[in-house]
Every structure is written in structure tokens, then in C-alpha cells.
Amino acid sequence: MLKALEDISSTKKRLKIEVPAEAIESEIKKGLNEAQKRARIPGFRPGKAPMYLIEKKFGKEIEADVLEKIIPEYYLKAIKEADITPVSRPVMEDSFEFKRSEPISMTISVEVRPKIENLNYENLTVKEVPVKVEDEEIEDVLNRLAEEKALYESVDDAVNTGDLVTIDYSATIPKSQGLSGDIAEETVSENVVLKIGSGHYPQEFFDGIIGKKKDEKFIIEATFPDDSPTMFAGKRPKFEITIKDIKRRNIPPIDDEFAKDMGFENIGQLRDKVRENILAAKNRDAERIKQREILDKLLELHSFEVPEVMLNSEINEIISEIRAIGKDTRTDEEIREEVKPNAEKSVRASILLELIGEREGIKVSDEDMKEEILNTAMRTYVSPENIIKYYTARDGSLEGLKQSVFEKKVLKFLLNKAKIQE
């Protein structure tokens, strides 16, 4: 039972807990009786061995089992009686020596979720976010779709920037630039495919090819930079080139035929679908903007200390994400100091959403979880099974995903409750 509750801080408590001797003794006797029924001791029929022999043989083991079971039970009773929500593992501040027929007294400290007495979210207002789809946006999407459908086709025209050109060449590096210094070096390559204007060749090289036609033979020189990944780095070779093929990207016209290739009856139907998708994306963005405004206002209205264990967990997760991306030369401590304010803001927001959700009785159902997994799968083009594997591998369970769904539901509730200003 809870004997005393002390405030170490607003997010850390000290509990003095006592486990009554009679409760311990009752559990020990149950254990001894069970052991007596199962024990096989020479000279006695099963279940008939005297209790003093049972205690001698199994007593210490049973006592240890009882303590392992009863201490957590009384800890849970104490935190319920104290009306606190732990967010860290309990820490035993002192040791105790167990003696039969005597109570156990423990002092335990634990970090807890802060209590907010005057939770205020009844009269929130947010600005409306106008949503409109412009014709230019639809055309941009259609043009991108057409470019994705584009194919390279052989042409009889002269080479231009962006063309795919197949060439044979022999390249000669002058004596003064050769490895030996006095012997010219020559290399021959066939069926080399170049995209004019892209890749590891200098612009001077491409300029010498632009304007040439299929089967044309010619000589050009080009200086390669010292950091070129080619064998010509830092040199100015002479190239004897033959154009073997010229292919140009053919972007299909955006018409009914194009729409049919995309699975629609006509171009009008495709435009309507593109408009619908753009509008849905903009509505999602608008909702996120309004939800951020609600969170910002909640944070302004409620000032409280966050548990250190939650803050450290959030910071460590951010550091892990940064390290996974790589190429960040900052130390963990430098990153920690930089991200700490935003991490603290994120933890405060999570605590507020959790408290509001609990007060309003918001729950996450199995259907909510299925819907979130399917939506994530469609959005990321990853199978639902792999979505589940990802969260299970990251968090050890789907609790992280469940918490995310819970917070989304609370934010949706708050947004529906808020007054929208035009």
C-alpha cells in the first residue's frame, strides 16, 4: 500500500510503499501448499511429506518467487492510489532485507506524465486555408505524365542537346601528356552511348558533336578537368568520332489516345482525375496547416515541464534519423543542443494530445489501424506486410504506429471542434 508520496519535481515522484507481512505470508503458504502437492520426497507418499521438509527444500525458492510477484503488484496498486502515470521504469532507492512475518518497506522514484489541472481546448480558433486548383497545375501534372511516357526514337536530324547518341571513337593523348611523356597513347571504344549535355564528358566535347549527323566522321579535341572520373582526367585528347545512331526523346501528345493509355476513356476524364488528386493533396496540406495552428495554440495555453526520459527519447530518435541519412559531421552533443527546443515542443504536444484524447474517450480501433496501414502502403508503394514489419522492427510492436493514429484522431477531433475563421 502507498504510505507516502513526495514531489521530487513536477515530473518525478517518490513513493514510499509497504507490502503487509500477512499478504506476503499468505502467498508463501499458497506456494508451499502447491509444492507439497507436487513434491516427490523419498520415504513419503506423494503429497504427504511434512511441511517442515517442504520448507527446507523449497522455501527460499518460493519466497523469491513470491517477492518477484508481489512487489510489482503493490507498486501498481501504489501508482493507482497516487493517481500518477509513470513514463519511466521505477528505480528502487534503497535496499531491504526480507524477513518472514515482517512487512517490506520500499522507496521508489519514477518519472511521471505531468498533470495539467486546467486543460483548455474548448474555444480554439484557426484560420481557414483556401484551396483552389489552377489549370496550370493540371497542365504541369499532365506534362510530367507525358514525359514519363516518352520514348527515345531514332531520328535523321542533326545531334542536339538531350539526344542519345551512339558513337565509335579512337582517342589519342599527345606525347607530352602521355604516361611515359614521349609516347602517344591511343584508346578505341565502340558503341559508346552518350546523352548530349550530361555525364562525365566536358561541354567542349559535346559542343563538337552537336550539329553532326548519322554516319558523319569528324575529329575534335576537348580538355578534361583534373577531377574527371574518366581515363582522360587532366588531359586534352584528340577524338576521331563516327556517329552511328541518334535517338531523340519523343513526348506523346496529351490527347484522348494518351488518356486511353493511362486507363481513361478520354482526356477530359483524365483531367478531372488529375484535378481531383491535386485537390485531395491540397486539402490534406490545408488540414495539416490548421492542425499545426491548433497545436501551436495549445502549446501557448499550457506551460509545463516535460519528463526528462521522454525528452531524451525524442532527442535520441532524432539523432538516429540524422545518422541514418549520414553526411552530418556534427557530434551527437552538438545535434542534441540544436534539436532540444523542437524535441521538447514535440513531447509537450504529445502529452497534451494524450490528455485530451483520454478526457474525450478517444480510442484506436483495429479498423483504424488497418486503415492507417493500407493508406501508408498506398502512399509509399510498400506492401501492408512490410509496413507492419517496419514498425515492429523499429518499436518492437505496433505501439508507435498506434500512438500516431491516436494523435491523428485527437487532432481531427480538435479541428472539428474548433471555430474556423475565414
Foldseek 3Di string as FASTA:
>chain_A
DWPDWDPPDLFKIKTKFKDALVVLVVQLVVVLQVCLQQDDDPPDDRSGDDSVVSCVVCVVVSSVVSCVPVVVVRVVVNCVVVVWAFPDDKDWPDDDDDDHNHMDITMIMTTTQGDDDDQDQQAFEFAFDDFDDDPVQLVVVLQVVLLVVWDWDFDFFADDQQKWWFKKKKKWFDLCPDPVNRDIDIDTDGRDIDRQPDDQFDVQVSVVRGRHGAQDWDKDWDAHDQPRPDPRHRTIIIMTMHTHTIIHIDGDDQWQVVVVVVVDRTSVVVSVVSRVVSRVVVVVVSLVVRLVVSLVVSPVVDDDDGTPVQLVVLLVVVVVVVVVVDPDPDDSVVSCVVCSVVSRSVRVSLSSLVVQCVVVVPAQDPVLVVVVLVVVCVVVVHDSVVVQVVCCVVPVHCVVVRSVSSSVVSSVVSVVSYHYHD
